[in-house]
Amino acid sequence: MEASECFNPSSNCEAAAIPNDCNPDAELQLPILEYFHSGTNCSVTGGFRYRGTVMPELEGMYFYGDYCSGRIWGAREVRKEYLGPPLEEGVEPPPSPPPHISWKTTELLDTFFNVVGFGEDEAGEIYVATLDGEIYRISPPAAASPPSGNYLEGEITALTVDVYLTGVEVASLEVSVDGRPLEGLAGQCQAVEATHGGQTFSCPGVAGSLAPGLHRVRADIALTNGASHAPEVTWRIEENAALGREVGR
């Protein structure tokens, strides 16, 4: 078989499973995921389930890719339990059928790599190895971070937003502080010279005076491929004008 398709024989291989060296008990275990070799897809490269902390929304997702197209997908297990009708008190429930398990696949990245393998580090973050010998870590496609520069007492000079994603552009960008969107001139974020190979935007409107304490800064980013991301950072403004980054990704 090739995935769940018959190869030799070309039909009825599921029903007429003949014992052989590879399948001595004539019990075929079909794959839980498959895709057709169409277009530029030609060879699947298996990966890992995500167990890291940088992208908590992808917890448990299985990463895999294609050697030829460079596409990388994530598959999530969808489990549906059978609950049955409500029963009268004291009535023994009938045995439940096994849960129905399926997998939902999402294309995560469309790269120009020949994907030859995946790896993970001790923190559970996922890496991609390419035929050229390069290794890349899969990380969030957008990150908001405090800029370098001068910090006055109780005041932030600017916010920069770096978007690390190739092949797409930023369609819109909205910034909010402590749940309140920045409006008018204060909410204008201008594209500036990129840093670290990403798309960089500077939002000088965050330069308004902030009282000492914790402040949550969020950037709502919409991309031209329809995806959206909302990275957040938490700034701590201290009396001595020192600025620390408590939480951020």
Protein backbone atom coordinates (compact mmCIF):
# COMPACT_ATOMS: atom_id res chain seq x y z
CA MET A 1 0.00 0.00 0.00
CA GLU A 2 0.92 3.62 -0.48
CA ALA A 3 -0.76 5.27 2.54
CA SER A 4 -4.33 3.94 2.25
CA GLU A 5 -4.15 3.37 -1.52
CA CYS A 6 -3.57 -0.08 -3.03
CA PHE A 7 -0.25 -0.58 -4.81
CA ASN A 8 0.38 -4.33 -5.23
CA PRO A 9 -2.20 -5.70 -5.84
CA SER A 10 -3.71 -2.55 -7.33
CA SER A 11 -7.17 -3.19 -5.81
CA ASN A 12 -8.86 -4.99 -2.90
CA CYS A 13 -5.63 -4.97 -0.90
CA GLU A 14 -7.53 -4.04 2.26
CA ALA A 15 -10.00 -6.94 1.98
CA ALA A 16 -7.54 -9.56 0.70
CA ALA A 17 -4.63 -8.99 3.04
CA ILE A 18 -2.27 -11.85 2.26
CA PRO A 19 0.27 -12.75 4.96
CA ASN A 20 3.83 -11.93 3.93
CA ASP A 21 7.16 -11.06 5.51
CA CYS A 22 6.08 -7.46 6.09
CA ASN A 23 2.58 -8.29 7.28
CA PRO A 24 2.71 -11.84 8.72
CA ASP A 25 -0.63 -11.67 10.54
CA ALA A 26 -2.47 -10.09 7.58
CA GLU A 27 -3.51 -7.18 9.76
CA LEU A 28 -3.08 -3.83 8.05
CA GLN A 29 -2.81 -0.67 10.17
CA LEU A 30 -3.89 2.24 8.01
CA PRO A 31 -2.23 5.65 8.52
CA ILE A 32 -4.01 8.37 10.45
CA LEU A 33 -2.87 11.06 7.96
CA GLU A 34 -2.15 11.12 4.25
CA TYR A 35 -2.04 13.49 1.28
CA PHE A 36 -1.80 13.05 -2.46
CA HIS A 37 1.40 13.60 -4.43
CA SER A 38 -0.07 16.40 -6.50
CA GLY A 39 1.49 19.61 -7.74
CA THR A 40 4.90 19.98 -6.08
CA ASN A 41 4.21 17.56 -3.22
CA CYS A 42 6.22 14.36 -3.63
CA SER A 43 7.56 12.92 -0.37
CA VAL A 44 6.34 13.24 3.20
CA THR A 45 8.80 14.02 6.01
CA GLY A 46 7.52 13.04 9.44
CA GLY A 47 8.00 15.15 12.52
CA PHE A 48 6.93 15.56 16.13
CA ARG A 49 4.02 16.59 18.29
CA TYR A 50 4.55 20.06 19.68
CA ARG A 51 5.22 20.11 23.43
CA GLY A 52 6.91 23.50 23.72
CA THR A 53 5.83 26.69 25.45
CA VAL A 54 6.57 29.45 22.91
CA MET A 55 3.41 28.64 20.88
CA PRO A 56 0.89 27.34 23.45
CA GLU A 57 -1.94 27.48 20.91
CA LEU A 58 -0.21 24.63 19.02
CA GLU A 59 0.09 22.30 22.02
CA GLY A 60 -0.25 18.67 20.90
CA MET A 61 -0.19 19.48 17.17
CA TYR A 62 1.78 17.05 14.98
CA PHE A 63 4.26 18.75 12.61
CA TYR A 64 5.21 17.22 9.26
CA GLY A 65 6.31 18.48 5.86
CA ASP A 66 7.01 17.65 2.22
CA TYR A 67 10.52 17.26 0.84
CA CYS A 68 9.74 18.73 -2.60
CA SER A 69 7.23 21.52 -1.98
CA GLY A 70 8.68 22.74 1.32
CA ARG A 71 5.20 22.95 2.82
CA ILE A 72 4.89 22.28 6.54
CA TRP A 73 1.60 21.21 8.06
CA GLY A 74 0.23 20.78 11.54
CA ALA A 75 -2.35 18.11 12.36
CA ARG A 76 -4.53 18.17 15.45
CA GLU A 77 -6.40 15.20 16.90
CA VAL A 78 -10.16 15.70 17.13
CA ARG A 79 -11.78 13.35 19.64
CA LYS A 80 -15.57 12.99 19.87
CA GLU A 81 -16.98 11.04 22.79
CA TYR A 82 -20.43 9.45 22.68
CA LEU A 83 -22.46 10.64 25.66
CA GLY A 84 -25.80 8.97 24.94
CA PRO A 85 -29.29 10.02 26.07
CA PRO A 86 -30.03 11.09 29.66
CA LEU A 87 -30.95 8.20 31.97
CA GLU A 88 -33.31 7.90 34.88
CA GLU A 89 -31.77 7.81 38.32
CA GLY A 90 -30.60 4.34 39.27
CA VAL A 91 -30.58 3.03 35.69
CA GLU A 92 -27.30 1.44 34.64
CA PRO A 93 -26.02 3.14 31.47
CA PRO A 94 -25.35 0.92 28.45
CA PRO A 95 -21.73 0.50 27.34
CA SER A 96 -20.57 3.43 25.24
CA PRO A 97 -19.06 2.90 21.81
CA PRO A 98 -15.41 3.89 21.40
CA PRO A 99 -14.74 7.57 20.72
CA HIS A 100 -14.53 8.76 17.14
CA ILE A 101 -11.05 10.14 16.42
CA SER A 102 -10.17 12.16 13.34
CA TRP A 103 -7.39 14.58 12.42
CA LYS A 104 -7.67 18.16 11.18
CA THR A 105 -4.74 19.40 9.09
CA THR A 106 -3.66 23.04 8.72
CA GLU A 107 -0.90 24.34 6.45
CA LEU A 108 1.45 26.28 8.72
CA LEU A 109 4.29 27.31 6.39
CA ASP A 110 5.02 27.35 2.65
CA THR A 111 8.82 27.41 2.46
CA PHE A 112 11.41 27.04 -0.31
CA PHE A 113 13.28 24.31 1.63
CA ASN A 114 13.80 20.66 0.80
CA VAL A 115 12.58 19.41 4.19
CA VAL A 116 14.59 16.34 5.18
CA GLY A 117 13.86 16.10 8.90
CA PHE A 118 12.45 17.57 12.08
CA GLY A 119 13.92 17.76 15.54
CA GLU A 120 13.02 19.05 18.97
CA ASP A 121 15.04 20.47 21.85
CA GLU A 122 14.75 19.81 25.58
CA ALA A 123 12.07 22.52 25.83
CA GLY A 124 9.89 20.86 23.17
CA GLU A 125 10.47 23.50 20.48
CA ILE A 126 10.47 22.21 16.88
CA TYR A 127 13.32 22.52 14.35
CA VAL A 128 13.44 21.86 10.59
CA ALA A 129 16.49 20.44 8.78
CA THR A 130 16.96 21.12 5.06
CA LEU A 131 18.88 19.39 2.29
CA ASP A 132 21.33 22.30 2.26
CA GLY A 133 22.37 21.51 5.82
CA GLU A 134 20.54 24.45 7.37
CA ILE A 135 18.52 24.13 10.60
CA TYR A 136 15.63 26.47 11.39
CA ARG A 137 13.52 26.76 14.52
CA ILE A 138 9.78 27.14 14.05
CA SER A 139 8.73 30.19 16.05
CA PRO A 140 5.73 32.52 16.20
CA PRO A 141 5.42 34.50 12.95
CA ALA A 142 5.07 37.77 14.81
CA ALA A 143 6.62 39.22 17.91
CA ALA A 144 6.17 42.54 19.68
CA SER A 145 9.13 43.76 21.68
CA PRO A 146 10.32 46.92 23.43
CA PRO A 147 12.73 48.90 21.23
CA SER A 148 16.21 49.99 22.00
CA GLY A 149 16.57 53.68 22.76
CA ASN A 150 16.14 56.19 25.53
CA TYR A 151 13.59 55.72 28.29
CA LEU A 152 12.51 58.73 30.25
CA GLU A 153 10.94 58.56 33.69
CA GLY A 154 7.57 56.87 33.33
CA GLU A 155 7.68 57.22 29.56
CA ILE A 156 8.29 54.82 26.67
CA THR A 157 9.63 56.42 23.50
CA ALA A 158 8.22 53.89 21.01
CA LEU A 159 7.09 50.33 20.36
CA THR A 160 8.46 48.21 17.54
CA VAL A 161 6.67 45.23 16.05
CA ASP A 162 8.74 42.69 14.11
CA VAL A 163 6.98 40.21 11.81
CA TYR A 164 9.16 37.24 10.83
CA LEU A 165 7.31 35.63 7.94
CA THR A 166 8.31 35.34 4.27
CA GLY A 167 5.98 35.45 1.30
CA VAL A 168 3.25 37.60 2.88
CA GLU A 169 2.85 41.22 3.91
CA VAL A 170 1.16 42.92 6.84
CA ALA A 171 -2.33 44.04 5.81
CA SER A 172 -3.18 45.91 9.02
CA LEU A 173 -1.69 46.51 12.44
CA GLU A 174 -3.51 47.80 15.52
CA VAL A 175 -1.89 48.38 18.89
CA SER A 176 -3.60 48.54 22.28
CA VAL A 177 -2.27 49.29 25.76
CA ASP A 178 -4.05 47.81 28.78
CA GLY A 179 -6.97 46.83 26.55
CA ARG A 180 -7.45 50.34 25.12
CA PRO A 181 -6.72 50.72 21.38
CA LEU A 182 -4.46 53.56 20.35
CA GLU A 183 -6.40 55.92 18.10
CA GLY A 184 -5.64 58.78 15.75
CA LEU A 185 -2.01 59.82 15.45
CA ALA A 186 -1.19 57.82 18.55
CA GLY A 187 -2.21 54.62 16.80
CA GLN A 188 -0.17 55.13 13.63
CA CYS A 189 2.46 52.44 13.08
CA GLN A 190 4.88 53.11 10.23
CA ALA A 191 7.00 50.59 8.35
CA VAL A 192 10.69 51.26 8.97
CA GLU A 193 13.94 49.60 7.93
CA ALA A 194 13.66 45.92 8.81
CA THR A 195 15.72 44.46 11.62
CA HIS A 196 16.82 40.82 11.97
CA GLY A 197 15.42 40.00 8.53
CA GLY A 198 11.80 40.69 9.45
CA GLN A 199 9.21 43.31 8.59
CA THR A 200 9.51 46.06 11.18
CA PHE A 201 6.97 48.68 12.22
CA SER A 202 7.51 51.56 14.61
CA CYS A 203 4.58 52.82 16.68
CA PRO A 204 5.66 56.14 18.23
CA GLY A 205 2.19 56.66 19.64
CA VAL A 206 3.11 54.52 22.63
CA ALA A 207 5.34 57.39 23.75
CA GLY A 208 2.59 58.72 26.00
CA SER A 209 3.36 58.83 29.70
CA LEU A 210 2.53 55.63 31.57
CA ALA A 211 2.24 55.44 35.32
CA PRO A 212 4.57 53.09 37.23
CA GLY A 213 3.32 49.52 37.25
CA LEU A 214 2.54 46.75 34.78
CA HIS A 215 1.18 47.59 31.34
CA ARG A 216 -0.01 45.08 28.76
CA VAL A 217 0.83 45.97 25.15
CA ARG A 218 -0.85 43.99 22.37
CA ALA A 219 -0.38 44.12 18.58
CA ASP A 220 -3.24 42.76 16.44
CA ILE A 221 -1.69 41.83 13.10
CA ALA A 222 -3.58 40.78 9.95
CA LEU A 223 -1.54 39.30 7.08
CA THR A 224 -2.30 39.30 3.37
CA ASN A 225 -2.69 35.50 3.37
CA GLY A 226 -5.69 35.77 5.71
CA ALA A 227 -3.84 34.74 8.87
CA SER A 228 -3.93 36.87 11.99
CA HIS A 229 -1.76 37.03 15.10
CA ALA A 230 -1.97 38.94 18.37
CA PRO A 231 1.36 38.87 20.23
CA GLU A 232 1.55 40.58 23.62
CA VAL A 233 4.23 41.87 25.92
CA THR A 234 3.97 43.12 29.48
CA TRP A 235 6.05 46.14 30.43
CA ARG A 236 6.89 47.10 34.00
CA ILE A 237 7.45 50.80 34.54
CA GLU A 238 9.34 51.47 37.75
CA GLU A 239 9.83 54.67 39.68
CA ASN A 240 13.50 54.83 38.72
CA ALA A 241 12.58 54.76 35.03
CA ALA A 242 14.05 51.27 34.57
CA LEU A 243 12.02 49.24 32.13
CA GLY A 244 11.75 45.47 32.47
CA ARG A 245 10.10 42.87 30.29
CA GLU A 246 8.11 40.52 32.48
CA VAL A 247 6.29 38.43 29.92
CA GLY A 248 6.44 38.42 26.16
CA ARG A 249 6.61 36.33 23.05
